[in-house]
Amino acid sequence: MSVAKKEYKRVTVHSLMEMKQDGEKISMLTAYDYTMAKIVDGAGIDVILVGDSASNVMAGHETTLPITLDQMIYHASSVIRAIDRALVVVDLPFGSYQSDPKEALRSAIRIMKESGGHAVKLEGGKEIKESIKRILNAGIPVMGHLGLTPQSIYKFGTYTVRAREEAEAEKLMSDAKFLEKAGCFAIVLEKIPAELAKKVAASVAIPVIGIGAGSGVDGQVLVLHDLLGMTHEFNPRFLRRYMNLYDDMTKAITNYVDDVKSADFPNSEEQY
C-alpha cells in the first residue's frame, strides 16, 4: 500500500527522519555532474549522493580508492549548482578520514566549504568513531555506511554479500546502533541479507537506506549510470535497469557518424 507523500520544498536531514516516521520510502541516487544532477533533482529525488563511485563510472578506475578529495569537491560543486530540492550527501574518499580524526575533520570542512554540500558519508562503524565524533562536533551532518564497504575491498578481497555469518551480522547490528547513538542522521547498508537489513532498520530510529539490502529498509539508493543502463558490464542481482542508454546512445552516435560521412548532416535547414 502506498503512503501519502508530504511535499518538501527542500529536503533536509529532518525531512528524512519525518519520512521514516511516516512510513514514506526515501529515494536516493548518485550524481556527479551538473547536467545529470539537474535532471535527477527535477525528477523529484530525495537525496543525491555524490559518491566515490565516480572513481569507477566517471574515471574508469577498478575501485573507489584512487579518487581524491579535490576530485570529490569538484564533482560535489558541480552537483550543488544544479539542485533546488534534494539533500546532497558527499562521500569522504579513501584516506581522508580513516586513521586521523583531525584529518577527517579537515576533509569534511573542505567539502562543506568548497562544494556547498549538505552532509558527508563515511564507511565504517566503531573503528572510525573518533573521526565521526569530530565531524559531528563541528556541526556537519554525517551519514554512515555499513555492510559491503568498497573502500575496504582489498581487506575483504571480494564484493560478495557481507554479514552472512552470525559474528559479522552481530557486529553490523552493533555498529548501526553505535552510529545512531553517535549522532549520524542515516545509514546506508550495502549488499547484506534482506532479513538482517530489515532488523537493523527496525532497531534504529534513523533512516536506513539500502543497496542490495532488500525492501525492508527505509529507502533505496542506486548508481545513476547503472539505473539508466549506461554501464552494461555490471549486473548484480539488486540492480533494476530502467533504461538501456548504452544501446540507445551507441545507436545515436553511430547514426551521427554515418550522416557525417555521407554528407547528410548538416542538411540545408541545419546551417546558416
C-alpha atoms as a PDB file:
ATOM      1  CA  MET A   1       0.000   0.000   0.000  1.00  0.00           C
ATOM      2  CA  SER A   2       1.391   3.398  -0.968  1.00  0.00           C
ATOM      3  CA  VAL A   3       1.898   6.108   1.629  1.00  0.00           C
ATOM      4  CA  ALA A   4       0.753   9.688   1.056  1.00  0.00           C
ATOM      5  CA  LYS A   5       3.804  11.826   0.365  1.00  0.00           C
ATOM      6  CA  LYS A   6       4.444  15.096   2.155  1.00  0.00           C
ATOM      7  CA  GLU A   7       5.692  17.785  -0.193  1.00  0.00           C
ATOM      8  CA  TYR A   8       9.119  19.170   0.679  1.00  0.00           C
ATOM      9  CA  LYS A   9      10.422  22.323  -0.976  1.00  0.00           C
ATOM     10  CA  ARG A  10      13.872  21.395   0.270  1.00  0.00           C
ATOM     11  CA  VAL A  11      14.816  18.007   1.673  1.00  0.00           C
ATOM     12  CA  THR A  12      16.832  18.154   4.891  1.00  0.00           C
ATOM     13  CA  VAL A  13      18.115  15.583   7.364  1.00  0.00           C
ATOM     14  CA  HIS A  14      14.980  16.362   9.392  1.00  0.00           C
ATOM     15  CA  SER A  15      12.828  15.623   6.337  1.00  0.00           C
ATOM     16  CA  LEU A  16      14.346  12.130   6.095  1.00  0.00           C
ATOM     17  CA  MET A  17      13.529  11.454   9.735  1.00  0.00           C
ATOM     18  CA  GLU A  18       9.938  12.537   9.098  1.00  0.00           C
ATOM     19  CA  MET A  19       9.755  10.210   6.093  1.00  0.00           C
ATOM     20  CA  LYS A  20      10.856   7.260   8.208  1.00  0.00           C
ATOM     21  CA  GLN A  21       8.365   8.122  10.936  1.00  0.00           C
ATOM     22  CA  ASP A  22       5.564   8.478   8.359  1.00  0.00           C
ATOM     23  CA  GLY A  23       6.452   5.239   6.582  1.00  0.00           C
ATOM     24  CA  GLU A  24       7.377   7.038   3.362  1.00  0.00           C
ATOM     25  CA  LYS A  25      10.252   5.404   1.486  1.00  0.00           C
ATOM     26  CA  ILE A  26      13.293   7.559   0.735  1.00  0.00           C
ATOM     27  CA  SER A  27      14.647   7.748  -2.823  1.00  0.00           C
ATOM     28  CA  MET A  28      18.370   8.276  -3.349  1.00  0.00           C
ATOM     29  CA  LEU A  29      20.585   8.257  -6.439  1.00  0.00           C
ATOM     30  CA  THR A  30      24.136   9.192  -7.291  1.00  0.00           C
ATOM     31  CA  ALA A  31      25.076  12.133  -9.497  1.00  0.00           C
ATOM     32  CA  TYR A  32      28.468  13.584 -10.310  1.00  0.00           C
ATOM     33  CA  ASP A  33      27.892  16.498 -12.705  1.00  0.00           C
ATOM     34  CA  TYR A  34      25.629  19.500 -13.253  1.00  0.00           C
ATOM     35  CA  THR A  35      23.582  18.214 -16.186  1.00  0.00           C
ATOM     36  CA  MET A  36      22.692  14.844 -14.687  1.00  0.00           C
ATOM     37  CA  ALA A  37      22.075  16.321 -11.235  1.00  0.00           C
ATOM     38  CA  LYS A  38      19.668  18.867 -12.749  1.00  0.00           C
ATOM     39  CA  ILE A  39      17.619  16.048 -14.275  1.00  0.00           C
ATOM     40  CA  VAL A  40      17.705  13.880 -11.146  1.00  0.00           C
ATOM     41  CA  ASP A  41      16.699  16.756  -8.874  1.00  0.00           C
ATOM     42  CA  GLY A  42      13.932  17.843 -11.220  1.00  0.00           C
ATOM     43  CA  ALA A  43      12.515  14.316 -11.250  1.00  0.00           C
ATOM     44  CA  GLY A  44      11.888  14.543  -7.502  1.00  0.00           C
ATOM     45  CA  ILE A  45      14.696  12.521  -5.916  1.00  0.00           C
ATOM     46  CA  ASP A  46      15.020  12.988  -2.162  1.00  0.00           C
ATOM     47  CA  VAL A  47      18.776  12.529  -1.755  1.00  0.00           C
ATOM     48  CA  ILE A  48      21.624  12.871  -4.231  1.00  0.00           C
ATOM     49  CA  LEU A  49      24.803  11.045  -3.284  1.00  0.00           C
ATOM     50  CA  VAL A  50      27.983  12.434  -4.790  1.00  0.00           C
ATOM     51  CA  GLY A  51      29.567   9.034  -4.424  1.00  0.00           C
ATOM     52  CA  ASP A  52      33.173   7.965  -4.599  1.00  0.00           C
ATOM     53  CA  SER A  53      31.756   5.599  -7.230  1.00  0.00           C
ATOM     54  CA  ALA A  54      32.696   8.488  -9.539  1.00  0.00           C
ATOM     55  CA  SER A  55      36.089   6.793  -9.443  1.00  0.00           C
ATOM     56  CA  ASN A  56      34.528   3.872 -11.335  1.00  0.00           C
ATOM     57  CA  VAL A  57      31.835   5.328 -13.584  1.00  0.00           C
ATOM     58  CA  MET A  58      33.396   8.713 -14.365  1.00  0.00           C
ATOM     59  CA  ALA A  59      37.128   7.966 -14.313  1.00  0.00           C
ATOM     60  CA  GLY A  60      37.247   4.262 -15.197  1.00  0.00           C
ATOM     61  CA  HIS A  61      39.142   3.040 -12.150  1.00  0.00           C
ATOM     62  CA  GLU A  62      38.656  -0.528 -10.974  1.00  0.00           C
ATOM     63  CA  THR A  63      37.945   0.547  -7.384  1.00  0.00           C
ATOM     64  CA  THR A  64      36.818   3.653  -5.492  1.00  0.00           C
ATOM     65  CA  LEU A  65      40.219   4.064  -3.851  1.00  0.00           C
ATOM     66  CA  PRO A  66      42.029   6.345  -6.357  1.00  0.00           C
ATOM     67  CA  ILE A  67      39.605   9.292  -6.251  1.00  0.00           C
ATOM     68  CA  THR A  68      40.959  12.277  -4.328  1.00  0.00           C
ATOM     69  CA  LEU A  69      39.373  14.809  -2.003  1.00  0.00           C
ATOM     70  CA  ASP A  70      39.919  17.550  -4.587  1.00  0.00           C
ATOM     71  CA  GLN A  71      38.113  15.479  -7.198  1.00  0.00           C
ATOM     72  CA  MET A  72      35.201  14.797  -4.838  1.00  0.00           C
ATOM     73  CA  ILE A  73      34.909  18.525  -4.153  1.00  0.00           C
ATOM     74  CA  TYR A  74      34.884  19.216  -7.909  1.00  0.00           C
ATOM     75  CA  HIS A  75      32.069  16.723  -8.512  1.00  0.00           C
ATOM     76  CA  ALA A  76      30.087  17.906  -5.487  1.00  0.00           C
ATOM     77  CA  SER A  77      30.395  21.561  -6.546  1.00  0.00           C
ATOM     78  CA  SER A  78      29.008  20.683  -9.982  1.00  0.00           C
ATOM     79  CA  VAL A  79      26.041  18.880  -8.428  1.00  0.00           C
ATOM     80  CA  ILE A  80      25.262  21.611  -5.880  1.00  0.00           C
ATOM     81  CA  ARG A  81      24.945  24.210  -8.644  1.00  0.00           C
ATOM     82  CA  ALA A  82      22.190  22.114 -10.225  1.00  0.00           C
ATOM     83  CA  ILE A  83      19.871  21.294  -7.357  1.00  0.00           C
ATOM     84  CA  ASP A  84      16.819  23.061  -5.955  1.00  0.00           C
ATOM     85  CA  ARG A  85      15.262  20.388  -3.732  1.00  0.00           C
ATOM     86  CA  ALA A  86      17.393  17.327  -2.972  1.00  0.00           C
ATOM     87  CA  LEU A  87      19.656  16.808   0.022  1.00  0.00           C
ATOM     88  CA  VAL A  88      23.217  16.409  -1.277  1.00  0.00           C
ATOM     89  CA  VAL A  89      25.472  13.962   0.576  1.00  0.00           C
ATOM     90  CA  VAL A  90      29.156  13.746  -0.368  1.00  0.00           C
ATOM     91  CA  ASP A  91      31.408  10.734   0.185  1.00  0.00           C
ATOM     92  CA  LEU A  92      34.632  11.297   2.065  1.00  0.00           C
ATOM     93  CA  PRO A  93      37.153   9.461  -0.136  1.00  0.00           C
ATOM     94  CA  PHE A  94      39.562   6.760   0.955  1.00  0.00           C
ATOM     95  CA  GLY A  95      42.453   8.074   3.016  1.00  0.00           C
ATOM     96  CA  SER A  96      40.743  11.301   4.055  1.00  0.00           C
ATOM     97  CA  TYR A  97      39.302  10.172   7.394  1.00  0.00           C
ATOM     98  CA  GLN A  98      40.185   6.606   8.442  1.00  0.00           C
ATOM     99  CA  SER A  99      43.339   6.953  10.526  1.00  0.00           C
ATOM    100  CA  ASP A 100      43.484  10.572  11.679  1.00  0.00           C
ATOM    101  CA  PRO A 101      40.401  12.241  13.238  1.00  0.00           C
ATOM    102  CA  LYS A 102      41.924  15.686  12.704  1.00  0.00           C
ATOM    103  CA  GLU A 103      42.406  14.909   9.020  1.00  0.00           C
ATOM    104  CA  ALA A 104      38.820  13.640   8.897  1.00  0.00           C
ATOM    105  CA  LEU A 105      37.552  16.954  10.245  1.00  0.00           C
ATOM    106  CA  ARG A 106      39.709  18.948   7.827  1.00  0.00           C
ATOM    107  CA  SER A 107      38.411  16.840   4.921  1.00  0.00           C
ATOM    108  CA  ALA A 108      34.771  17.259   5.936  1.00  0.00           C
ATOM    109  CA  ILE A 109      35.175  21.012   6.416  1.00  0.00           C
ATOM    110  CA  ARG A 110      36.752  21.351   2.958  1.00  0.00           C
ATOM    111  CA  ILE A 111      33.829  19.503   1.373  1.00  0.00           C
ATOM    112  CA  MET A 112      31.249  21.677   3.138  1.00  0.00           C
ATOM    113  CA  LYS A 113      33.047  24.985   2.498  1.00  0.00           C
ATOM    114  CA  GLU A 114      34.349  24.404  -1.025  1.00  0.00           C
ATOM    115  CA  SER A 115      31.488  22.413  -2.562  1.00  0.00           C
ATOM    116  CA  GLY A 116      28.460  23.609  -0.602  1.00  0.00           C
ATOM    117  CA  GLY A 117      27.418  20.018   0.126  1.00  0.00           C
ATOM    118  CA  HIS A 118      24.862  19.389   2.841  1.00  0.00           C
ATOM    119  CA  ALA A 119      26.365  16.319   4.563  1.00  0.00           C
ATOM    120  CA  VAL A 120      29.169  13.775   4.315  1.00  0.00           C
ATOM    121  CA  LYS A 121      29.179   9.978   4.244  1.00  0.00           C
ATOM    122  CA  LEU A 122      31.808   7.721   5.841  1.00  0.00           C
ATOM    123  CA  GLU A 123      32.301   3.967   5.624  1.00  0.00           C
ATOM    124  CA  GLY A 124      32.676   2.017   8.874  1.00  0.00           C
ATOM    125  CA  GLY A 125      31.485   1.723  12.454  1.00  0.00           C
ATOM    126  CA  LYS A 126      33.190   1.899  15.816  1.00  0.00           C
ATOM    127  CA  GLU A 127      36.654   1.762  14.251  1.00  0.00           C
ATOM    128  CA  ILE A 128      36.190   5.328  12.963  1.00  0.00           C
ATOM    129  CA  LYS A 129      34.316   6.664  15.995  1.00  0.00           C
ATOM    130  CA  GLU A 130      36.792   9.470  16.710  1.00  0.00           C
ATOM    131  CA  SER A 131      36.534  10.757  13.137  1.00  0.00           C
ATOM    132  CA  ILE A 132      32.734  10.673  13.287  1.00  0.00           C
ATOM    133  CA  LYS A 133      32.744  12.432  16.666  1.00  0.00           C
ATOM    134  CA  ARG A 134      34.968  15.292  15.478  1.00  0.00           C
ATOM    135  CA  ILE A 135      32.951  15.868  12.316  1.00  0.00           C
ATOM    136  CA  LEU A 136      29.635  15.846  14.167  1.00  0.00           C
ATOM    137  CA  ASN A 137      31.012  18.170  16.848  1.00  0.00           C
ATOM    138  CA  ALA A 138      31.734  20.669  14.078  1.00  0.00           C
ATOM    139  CA  GLY A 139      28.038  20.652  13.154  1.00  0.00           C
ATOM    140  CA  ILE A 140      28.462  18.663   9.949  1.00  0.00           C
ATOM    141  CA  PRO A 141      25.759  16.029   9.333  1.00  0.00           C
ATOM    142  CA  VAL A 142      27.115  12.503   8.879  1.00  0.00           C
ATOM    143  CA  MET A 143      25.601   9.544   7.042  1.00  0.00           C
ATOM    144  CA  GLY A 144      27.074   6.148   7.945  1.00  0.00           C
ATOM    145  CA  HIS A 145      27.772   3.208   5.630  1.00  0.00           C
ATOM    146  CA  LEU A 146      27.931  -0.434   6.733  1.00  0.00           C
ATOM    147  CA  GLY A 147      27.956  -3.879   5.143  1.00  0.00           C
ATOM    148  CA  LEU A 148      29.952  -4.025   1.939  1.00  0.00           C
ATOM    149  CA  THR A 149      32.287  -1.047   2.203  1.00  0.00           C
ATOM    150  CA  PRO A 150      34.025  -0.624  -1.179  1.00  0.00           C
ATOM    151  CA  GLN A 151      36.896   1.407   0.258  1.00  0.00           C
ATOM    152  CA  SER A 152      37.894  -1.751   2.169  1.00  0.00           C
ATOM    153  CA  ILE A 153      37.813  -4.002  -0.888  1.00  0.00           C
ATOM    154  CA  TYR A 154      41.424  -5.135  -0.515  1.00  0.00           C
ATOM    155  CA  LYS A 155      40.740  -6.090   3.091  1.00  0.00           C
ATOM    156  CA  PHE A 156      37.745  -8.259   2.132  1.00  0.00           C
ATOM    157  CA  GLY A 157      39.141  -9.339  -1.246  1.00  0.00           C
ATOM    158  CA  THR A 158      35.706  -9.639  -2.823  1.00  0.00           C
ATOM    159  CA  TYR A 159      32.478  -7.740  -3.463  1.00  0.00           C
ATOM    160  CA  THR A 160      30.377 -10.630  -2.180  1.00  0.00           C
ATOM    161  CA  VAL A 161      27.438 -10.257   0.221  1.00  0.00           C
ATOM    162  CA  ARG A 162      28.532  -9.265   3.725  1.00  0.00           C
ATOM    163  CA  ALA A 163      27.272 -10.271   7.195  1.00  0.00           C
ATOM    164  CA  ARG A 164      26.005 -13.739   6.310  1.00  0.00           C
ATOM    165  CA  GLU A 165      27.852 -15.184   9.314  1.00  0.00           C
ATOM    166  CA  GLU A 166      26.462 -14.592  12.800  1.00  0.00           C
ATOM    167  CA  ALA A 167      29.518 -12.800  14.191  1.00  0.00           C
ATOM    168  CA  GLU A 168      29.657 -10.284  11.346  1.00  0.00           C
ATOM    169  CA  ALA A 169      25.884  -9.785  11.494  1.00  0.00           C
ATOM    170  CA  GLU A 170      26.096  -9.039  15.218  1.00  0.00           C
ATOM    171  CA  LYS A 171      28.908  -6.551  14.629  1.00  0.00           C
ATOM    172  CA  LEU A 172      26.913  -4.819  11.908  1.00  0.00           C
ATOM    173  CA  MET A 173      23.902  -4.502  14.203  1.00  0.00           C
ATOM    174  CA  SER A 174      26.126  -3.163  16.970  1.00  0.00           C
ATOM    175  CA  ASP A 175      27.779  -0.681  14.618  1.00  0.00           C
ATOM    176  CA  ALA A 176      24.386   0.546  13.361  1.00  0.00           C
ATOM    177  CA  LYS A 177      23.278   1.278  16.916  1.00  0.00           C
ATOM    178  CA  PHE A 178      26.603   2.966  17.584  1.00  0.00           C
ATOM    179  CA  LEU A 179      26.205   5.225  14.524  1.00  0.00           C
ATOM    180  CA  GLU A 180      22.722   6.203  15.656  1.00  0.00           C
ATOM    181  CA  LYS A 181      23.917   6.950  19.203  1.00  0.00           C
ATOM    182  CA  ALA A 182      26.902   8.907  17.889  1.00  0.00           C
ATOM    183  CA  GLY A 183      24.537  11.233  16.030  1.00  0.00           C
ATOM    184  CA  CYS A 184      24.523  10.074  12.407  1.00  0.00           C
ATOM    185  CA  PHE A 185      21.327  11.105  10.639  1.00  0.00           C
ATOM    186  CA  ALA A 186      21.091   7.985   8.415  1.00  0.00           C
ATOM    187  CA  ILE A 187      22.891   4.784   7.454  1.00  0.00           C
ATOM    188  CA  VAL A 188      23.500   3.111   4.084  1.00  0.00           C
ATOM    189  CA  LEU A 189      23.514  -0.695   4.193  1.00  0.00           C
ATOM    190  CA  GLU A 190      25.187  -2.263   1.175  1.00  0.00           C
ATOM    191  CA  LYS A 191      24.857  -5.844  -0.027  1.00  0.00           C
ATOM    192  CA  ILE A 192      23.739  -7.653   3.125  1.00  0.00           C
ATOM    193  CA  PRO A 193      20.956 -10.236   3.680  1.00  0.00           C
ATOM    194  CA  ALA A 194      17.498  -8.669   3.451  1.00  0.00           C
ATOM    195  CA  GLU A 195      16.321 -10.099   6.753  1.00  0.00           C
ATOM    196  CA  LEU A 196      19.284  -8.600   8.615  1.00  0.00           C
ATOM    197  CA  ALA A 197      18.778  -5.211   6.949  1.00  0.00           C
ATOM    198  CA  LYS A 198      15.120  -5.257   7.979  1.00  0.00           C
ATOM    199  CA  LYS A 199      16.124  -5.939  11.593  1.00  0.00           C
ATOM    200  CA  VAL A 200      18.641  -3.093  11.533  1.00  0.00           C
ATOM    201  CA  ALA A 201      16.055  -0.652  10.161  1.00  0.00           C
ATOM    202  CA  ALA A 202      13.604  -1.669  12.867  1.00  0.00           C
ATOM    203  CA  SER A 203      16.204  -1.360  15.633  1.00  0.00           C
ATOM    204  CA  VAL A 204      17.261   2.249  14.967  1.00  0.00           C
ATOM    205  CA  ALA A 205      15.227   5.442  14.805  1.00  0.00           C
ATOM    206  CA  ILE A 206      17.271   6.968  11.994  1.00  0.00           C
ATOM    207  CA  PRO A 207      16.608   6.159   8.314  1.00  0.00           C
ATOM    208  CA  VAL A 208      18.338   3.139   6.786  1.00  0.00           C
ATOM    209  CA  ILE A 209      18.954   3.278   3.022  1.00  0.00           C
ATOM    210  CA  GLY A 210      19.668   0.021   1.238  1.00  0.00           C
ATOM    211  CA  ILE A 211      21.575  -1.013  -1.851  1.00  0.00           C
ATOM    212  CA  GLY A 212      21.320  -4.738  -2.292  1.00  0.00           C
ATOM    213  CA  ALA A 213      19.758  -4.931   1.178  1.00  0.00           C
ATOM    214  CA  GLY A 214      16.174  -5.871   0.364  1.00  0.00           C
ATOM    215  CA  SER A 215      12.890  -3.994   0.709  1.00  0.00           C
ATOM    216  CA  GLY A 216      12.582  -3.922   4.498  1.00  0.00           C
ATOM    217  CA  VAL A 217      14.631  -0.732   4.892  1.00  0.00           C
ATOM    218  CA  ASP A 218      13.549   2.915   4.779  1.00  0.00           C
ATOM    219  CA  GLY A 219      14.776   3.756   1.292  1.00  0.00           C
ATOM    220  CA  GLN A 220      16.898   2.716  -1.663  1.00  0.00           C
ATOM    221  CA  VAL A 221      19.978   4.028  -3.456  1.00  0.00           C
ATOM    222  CA  LEU A 222      21.423   3.072  -6.830  1.00  0.00           C
ATOM    223  CA  VAL A 223      24.216   4.376  -9.029  1.00  0.00           C
ATOM    224  CA  LEU A 224      22.552   6.547 -11.680  1.00  0.00           C
ATOM    225  CA  HIS A 225      24.628   5.197 -14.565  1.00  0.00           C
ATOM    226  CA  ASP A 226      23.592   1.651 -13.648  1.00  0.00           C
ATOM    227  CA  LEU A 227      19.899   2.534 -13.375  1.00  0.00           C
ATOM    228  CA  LEU A 228      19.975   4.216 -16.793  1.00  0.00           C
ATOM    229  CA  GLY A 229      21.775   1.291 -18.423  1.00  0.00           C
ATOM    230  CA  MET A 230      24.810   3.347 -19.372  1.00  0.00           C
ATOM    231  CA  THR A 231      27.016   0.698 -17.787  1.00  0.00           C
ATOM    232  CA  HIS A 232      26.415  -2.779 -19.154  1.00  0.00           C
ATOM    233  CA  GLU A 233      29.166  -4.960 -17.633  1.00  0.00           C
ATOM    234  CA  PHE A 234      27.811  -4.614 -14.059  1.00  0.00           C
ATOM    235  CA  ASN A 235      24.896  -6.971 -13.386  1.00  0.00           C
ATOM    236  CA  PRO A 236      24.295  -7.560  -9.655  1.00  0.00           C
ATOM    237  CA  ARG A 237      21.030  -9.094  -8.520  1.00  0.00           C
ATOM    238  CA  PHE A 238      19.910  -5.886  -6.788  1.00  0.00           C
ATOM    239  CA  LEU A 239      20.138  -3.700  -9.902  1.00  0.00           C
ATOM    240  CA  ARG A 240      16.991  -2.808 -11.826  1.00  0.00           C
ATOM    241  CA  ARG A 241      17.726  -1.036 -15.106  1.00  0.00           C
ATOM    242  CA  TYR A 242      15.028   1.479 -16.025  1.00  0.00           C
ATOM    243  CA  MET A 243      16.553   2.277 -19.420  1.00  0.00           C
ATOM    244  CA  ASN A 244      19.120   0.857 -21.824  1.00  0.00           C
ATOM    245  CA  LEU A 245      21.034   4.010 -22.678  1.00  0.00           C
ATOM    246  CA  TYR A 246      24.166   2.104 -23.634  1.00  0.00           C
ATOM    247  CA  ASP A 247      22.447   0.703 -26.723  1.00  0.00           C
ATOM    248  CA  ASP A 248      20.417   3.857 -27.411  1.00  0.00           C
ATOM    249  CA  MET A 249      23.458   6.118 -27.220  1.00  0.00           C
ATOM    250  CA  THR A 250      25.572   3.775 -29.314  1.00  0.00           C
ATOM    251  CA  LYS A 251      22.859   3.756 -32.000  1.00  0.00           C
ATOM    252  CA  ALA A 252      22.526   7.545 -31.955  1.00  0.00           C
ATOM    253  CA  ILE A 253      26.271   8.127 -32.239  1.00  0.00           C
ATOM    254  CA  THR A 254      26.596   5.510 -34.982  1.00  0.00           C
ATOM    255  CA  ASN A 255      23.811   7.255 -36.928  1.00  0.00           C
ATOM    256  CA  TYR A 256      25.600  10.605 -36.484  1.00  0.00           C
ATOM    257  CA  VAL A 257      28.861   9.156 -37.796  1.00  0.00           C
ATOM    258  CA  ASP A 258      27.059   7.695 -40.796  1.00  0.00           C
ATOM    259  CA  ASP A 259      25.296  11.009 -41.525  1.00  0.00           C
ATOM    260  CA  VAL A 260      28.547  12.976 -41.342  1.00  0.00           C
ATOM    261  CA  LYS A 261      30.389  10.500 -43.583  1.00  0.00           C
ATOM    262  CA  SER A 262      27.598  10.562 -46.173  1.00  0.00           C
ATOM    263  CA  ALA A 263      27.302  14.364 -46.013  1.00  0.00           C
ATOM    264  CA  ASP A 264      23.679  14.036 -44.947  1.00  0.00           C
ATOM    265  CA  PHE A 265      24.439  16.164 -41.877  1.00  0.00           C
ATOM    266  CA  PRO A 266      24.092  19.079 -41.830  1.00  0.00           C
ATOM    267  CA  ASN A 267      21.285  19.477 -44.350  1.00  0.00           C
ATOM    268  CA  SER A 268      20.143  22.790 -45.825  1.00  0.00           C
ATOM    269  CA  GLU A 269      17.929  23.586 -42.814  1.00  0.00           C
ATOM    270  CA  GLU A 270      20.721  22.914 -40.339  1.00  0.00           C
ATOM    271  CA  GLN A 271      23.097  25.640 -41.497  1.00  0.00           C
ATOM    272  CA  TYR A 272      23.200  29.424 -41.666  1.00  0.00           C
END
